[in-house]
Amino acid sequence: MCPGQFSENEIEMTSHPLVSIVALSFNTGRFVGQAIESVLASGYPNLQIICIDDASEDNSSEYLQELSAELGFKFVQNDINQG
């Protein structure tokens, strides 16, 4: 590549700025997967998804951990509910 030229990936990132989605979850096990899949289905090429579980009492955190490994988004789990 010549100086001053951009790779296809660099052009894609320049024409599509990074969009960060932060999803908060507390006992949302039944719905949170649909919300994340909906964001991914948008087709936007430069997404960052961060999902934070606030010490859920249902299966949300386990489900999100599995989904994170499958779909590649960042998952953060609070041990204590932060409100």
N, C-alpha and C. Protein backbone atom coordinates (compact mmCIF):
# COMPACT_ATOMS: atom_id res chain seq x y z
N MET A 1 0.85 -1.18 0.00
CA MET A 1 0.00 0.00 0.00
C MET A 1 0.89 1.23 0.00
N CYS A 2 0.56 2.18 -0.83
CA CYS A 2 1.32 3.43 -0.94
C CYS A 2 0.98 4.37 0.21
N PRO A 3 1.94 5.22 0.60
CA PRO A 3 1.62 6.21 1.64
C PRO A 3 0.42 7.06 1.23
N GLY A 4 -0.44 7.32 2.18
CA GLY A 4 -1.62 8.14 1.89
C GLY A 4 -2.82 7.33 1.43
N GLN A 5 -2.62 6.05 1.15
CA GLN A 5 -3.74 5.20 0.76
C GLN A 5 -4.29 4.52 2.01
N PHE A 6 -5.57 4.23 1.98
CA PHE A 6 -6.23 3.59 3.11
C PHE A 6 -6.68 2.19 2.72
N SER A 7 -6.62 1.29 3.67
CA SER A 7 -7.13 -0.06 3.43
C SER A 7 -8.66 0.01 3.40
N GLU A 8 -9.28 -1.05 2.88
CA GLU A 8 -10.75 -1.08 2.84
C GLU A 8 -11.33 -0.98 4.24
N ASN A 9 -10.69 -1.62 5.21
CA ASN A 9 -11.17 -1.56 6.59
C ASN A 9 -11.10 -0.14 7.13
N GLU A 10 -10.01 0.59 6.84
CA GLU A 10 -9.88 1.97 7.29
C GLU A 10 -10.91 2.87 6.64
N ILE A 11 -11.18 2.65 5.36
CA ILE A 11 -12.21 3.43 4.66
C ILE A 11 -13.57 3.15 5.27
N GLU A 12 -13.86 1.88 5.53
CA GLU A 12 -15.14 1.48 6.13
C GLU A 12 -15.31 2.16 7.49
N MET A 13 -14.26 2.18 8.31
CA MET A 13 -14.35 2.78 9.63
C MET A 13 -14.49 4.30 9.54
N THR A 14 -13.88 4.92 8.54
CA THR A 14 -13.97 6.36 8.37
C THR A 14 -15.36 6.76 7.92
N SER A 15 -15.93 6.00 7.00
CA SER A 15 -17.25 6.35 6.49
C SER A 15 -18.36 5.90 7.43
N HIS A 16 -18.03 5.04 8.39
CA HIS A 16 -19.00 4.58 9.38
C HIS A 16 -18.37 4.72 10.77
N PRO A 17 -18.56 5.86 11.41
CA PRO A 17 -17.96 6.06 12.73
C PRO A 17 -18.44 5.00 13.72
N LEU A 18 -17.61 4.75 14.72
CA LEU A 18 -17.96 3.79 15.76
C LEU A 18 -19.20 4.27 16.50
N VAL A 19 -20.16 3.39 16.63
CA VAL A 19 -21.36 3.65 17.42
C VAL A 19 -21.33 2.68 18.59
N SER A 20 -21.38 3.22 19.80
CA SER A 20 -21.38 2.40 21.01
C SER A 20 -22.78 2.32 21.58
N ILE A 21 -23.21 1.11 21.84
CA ILE A 21 -24.51 0.86 22.45
C ILE A 21 -24.25 0.31 23.84
N VAL A 22 -24.79 0.96 24.86
CA VAL A 22 -24.67 0.46 26.23
C VAL A 22 -26.05 0.01 26.66
N ALA A 23 -26.16 -1.28 26.94
CA ALA A 23 -27.45 -1.85 27.36
C ALA A 23 -27.36 -2.23 28.83
N LEU A 24 -28.30 -1.76 29.60
CA LEU A 24 -28.35 -2.07 31.03
C LEU A 24 -29.39 -3.15 31.27
N SER A 25 -29.06 -4.07 32.15
CA SER A 25 -29.95 -5.20 32.37
C SER A 25 -30.13 -5.46 33.86
N PHE A 26 -31.37 -5.63 34.27
CA PHE A 26 -31.70 -6.14 35.60
C PHE A 26 -32.94 -7.00 35.46
N ASN A 27 -32.76 -8.29 35.62
CA ASN A 27 -33.85 -9.26 35.49
C ASN A 27 -34.55 -9.15 34.13
N THR A 28 -33.77 -9.07 33.08
CA THR A 28 -34.32 -8.93 31.73
C THR A 28 -34.09 -10.18 30.87
N GLY A 29 -33.87 -11.31 31.52
CA GLY A 29 -33.54 -12.54 30.81
C GLY A 29 -34.44 -12.87 29.64
N ARG A 30 -35.71 -12.56 29.75
CA ARG A 30 -36.65 -12.90 28.67
C ARG A 30 -36.53 -11.98 27.47
N PHE A 31 -35.97 -10.78 27.63
CA PHE A 31 -36.02 -9.78 26.57
C PHE A 31 -34.66 -9.32 26.04
N VAL A 32 -33.62 -9.41 26.84
CA VAL A 32 -32.36 -8.78 26.49
C VAL A 32 -31.73 -9.37 25.23
N GLY A 33 -31.89 -10.64 25.01
CA GLY A 33 -31.35 -11.26 23.79
C GLY A 33 -31.95 -10.66 22.54
N GLN A 34 -33.25 -10.45 22.57
CA GLN A 34 -33.94 -9.84 21.42
C GLN A 34 -33.43 -8.42 21.18
N ALA A 35 -33.20 -7.69 22.23
CA ALA A 35 -32.72 -6.31 22.09
C ALA A 35 -31.33 -6.29 21.44
N ILE A 36 -30.44 -7.15 21.89
CA ILE A 36 -29.08 -7.18 21.34
C ILE A 36 -29.10 -7.66 19.90
N GLU A 37 -29.87 -8.69 19.62
CA GLU A 37 -29.96 -9.19 18.24
C GLU A 37 -30.57 -8.15 17.32
N SER A 38 -31.49 -7.33 17.83
CA SER A 38 -32.07 -6.26 17.03
C SER A 38 -31.02 -5.23 16.64
N VAL A 39 -30.16 -4.88 17.58
CA VAL A 39 -29.08 -3.94 17.28
C VAL A 39 -28.16 -4.52 16.21
N LEU A 40 -27.77 -5.78 16.37
CA LEU A 40 -26.88 -6.41 15.41
C LEU A 40 -27.54 -6.54 14.03
N ALA A 41 -28.86 -6.74 14.00
CA ALA A 41 -29.58 -6.88 12.73
C ALA A 41 -29.64 -5.57 11.95
N SER A 42 -29.30 -4.47 12.59
CA SER A 42 -29.32 -3.18 11.89
C SER A 42 -28.36 -3.18 10.71
N GLY A 43 -27.34 -4.02 10.79
CA GLY A 43 -26.39 -4.11 9.69
C GLY A 43 -25.31 -3.04 9.72
N TYR A 44 -25.34 -2.17 10.71
CA TYR A 44 -24.32 -1.12 10.79
C TYR A 44 -22.96 -1.78 10.99
N PRO A 45 -21.95 -1.42 10.20
CA PRO A 45 -20.69 -2.18 10.20
C PRO A 45 -19.70 -1.86 11.32
N ASN A 46 -19.94 -0.84 12.12
CA ASN A 46 -18.93 -0.45 13.10
C ASN A 46 -19.59 -0.23 14.46
N LEU A 47 -20.06 -1.32 15.06
CA LEU A 47 -20.77 -1.27 16.33
C LEU A 47 -19.92 -1.80 17.46
N GLN A 48 -20.13 -1.21 18.63
CA GLN A 48 -19.57 -1.72 19.87
C GLN A 48 -20.75 -1.86 20.83
N ILE A 49 -20.98 -3.05 21.33
CA ILE A 49 -22.07 -3.27 22.28
C ILE A 49 -21.47 -3.63 23.63
N ILE A 50 -21.92 -2.92 24.64
CA ILE A 50 -21.51 -3.19 26.01
C ILE A 50 -22.79 -3.43 26.80
N CYS A 51 -22.89 -4.59 27.41
CA CYS A 51 -24.09 -4.92 28.18
C CYS A 51 -23.68 -5.10 29.64
N ILE A 52 -24.36 -4.38 30.52
CA ILE A 52 -24.05 -4.41 31.94
C ILE A 52 -25.23 -4.99 32.69
N ASP A 53 -24.97 -6.08 33.41
CA ASP A 53 -26.01 -6.68 34.24
C ASP A 53 -25.83 -6.19 35.67
N ASP A 54 -26.90 -5.67 36.25
CA ASP A 54 -26.85 -5.06 37.58
C ASP A 54 -27.28 -6.04 38.66
N ALA A 55 -26.53 -7.16 38.78
CA ALA A 55 -26.78 -8.18 39.81
C ALA A 55 -28.20 -8.74 39.72
N SER A 56 -28.59 -9.16 38.53
CA SER A 56 -29.92 -9.73 38.33
C SER A 56 -30.15 -10.94 39.23
N GLU A 57 -31.42 -11.15 39.55
CA GLU A 57 -31.81 -12.27 40.40
C GLU A 57 -32.42 -13.40 39.58
N ASP A 58 -32.56 -13.20 38.28
CA ASP A 58 -33.07 -14.27 37.41
C ASP A 58 -31.88 -14.85 36.63
N ASN A 59 -32.11 -15.40 35.48
CA ASN A 59 -31.04 -16.02 34.69
C ASN A 59 -30.34 -15.05 33.74
N SER A 60 -30.59 -13.76 33.88
CA SER A 60 -30.06 -12.77 32.95
C SER A 60 -28.55 -12.82 32.81
N SER A 61 -27.83 -12.83 33.91
CA SER A 61 -26.38 -12.75 33.81
C SER A 61 -25.78 -13.99 33.14
N GLU A 62 -26.30 -15.17 33.46
CA GLU A 62 -25.80 -16.39 32.81
C GLU A 62 -26.09 -16.36 31.31
N TYR A 63 -27.30 -15.96 30.98
CA TYR A 63 -27.71 -15.88 29.58
C TYR A 63 -26.84 -14.88 28.82
N LEU A 64 -26.62 -13.71 29.41
CA LEU A 64 -25.81 -12.68 28.76
C LEU A 64 -24.36 -13.11 28.59
N GLN A 65 -23.84 -13.83 29.56
CA GLN A 65 -22.47 -14.32 29.45
C GLN A 65 -22.34 -15.28 28.27
N GLU A 66 -23.30 -16.18 28.11
CA GLU A 66 -23.29 -17.11 26.98
C GLU A 66 -23.47 -16.37 25.66
N LEU A 67 -24.40 -15.43 25.64
CA LEU A 67 -24.68 -14.66 24.42
C LEU A 67 -23.47 -13.81 24.03
N SER A 68 -22.79 -13.25 25.01
CA SER A 68 -21.60 -12.46 24.76
C SER A 68 -20.52 -13.29 24.08
N ALA A 69 -20.32 -14.50 24.56
CA ALA A 69 -19.32 -15.38 23.96
C ALA A 69 -19.72 -15.75 22.52
N GLU A 70 -21.00 -15.91 22.29
CA GLU A 70 -21.51 -16.29 20.96
C GLU A 70 -21.46 -15.13 19.97
N LEU A 71 -21.88 -13.94 20.41
CA LEU A 71 -22.04 -12.81 19.49
C LEU A 71 -20.89 -11.80 19.55
N GLY A 72 -20.04 -11.89 20.55
CA GLY A 72 -18.85 -11.05 20.58
C GLY A 72 -19.00 -9.65 21.14
N PHE A 73 -19.96 -9.42 22.01
CA PHE A 73 -20.06 -8.10 22.63
C PHE A 73 -19.46 -8.16 24.04
N LYS A 74 -19.18 -7.00 24.60
CA LYS A 74 -18.59 -6.93 25.94
C LYS A 74 -19.69 -7.06 26.98
N PHE A 75 -19.46 -7.93 27.96
CA PHE A 75 -20.41 -8.14 29.03
C PHE A 75 -19.75 -7.82 30.37
N VAL A 76 -20.43 -7.01 31.18
CA VAL A 76 -19.95 -6.65 32.52
C VAL A 76 -21.03 -7.06 33.50
N GLN A 77 -20.62 -7.74 34.56
CA GLN A 77 -21.58 -8.18 35.56
C GLN A 77 -21.26 -7.53 36.89
N ASN A 78 -22.21 -6.77 37.43
CA ASN A 78 -22.06 -6.20 38.77
C ASN A 78 -22.40 -7.27 39.79
N ASP A 79 -21.57 -7.40 40.82
CA ASP A 79 -21.84 -8.36 41.88
C ASP A 79 -22.88 -7.84 42.87
N ILE A 80 -22.95 -6.51 42.97
CA ILE A 80 -23.90 -5.85 43.87
C ILE A 80 -24.74 -4.90 43.03
N ASN A 81 -26.04 -4.89 43.25
CA ASN A 81 -26.92 -4.01 42.50
C ASN A 81 -26.56 -2.56 42.79
N GLN A 82 -26.35 -1.81 41.70
CA GLN A 82 -25.96 -0.41 41.81
C GLN A 82 -27.14 0.55 41.68
N GLY A 83 -28.30 -0.01 41.39
CA GLY A 83 -29.49 0.81 41.27
C GLY A 83 -29.52 1.47 39.98
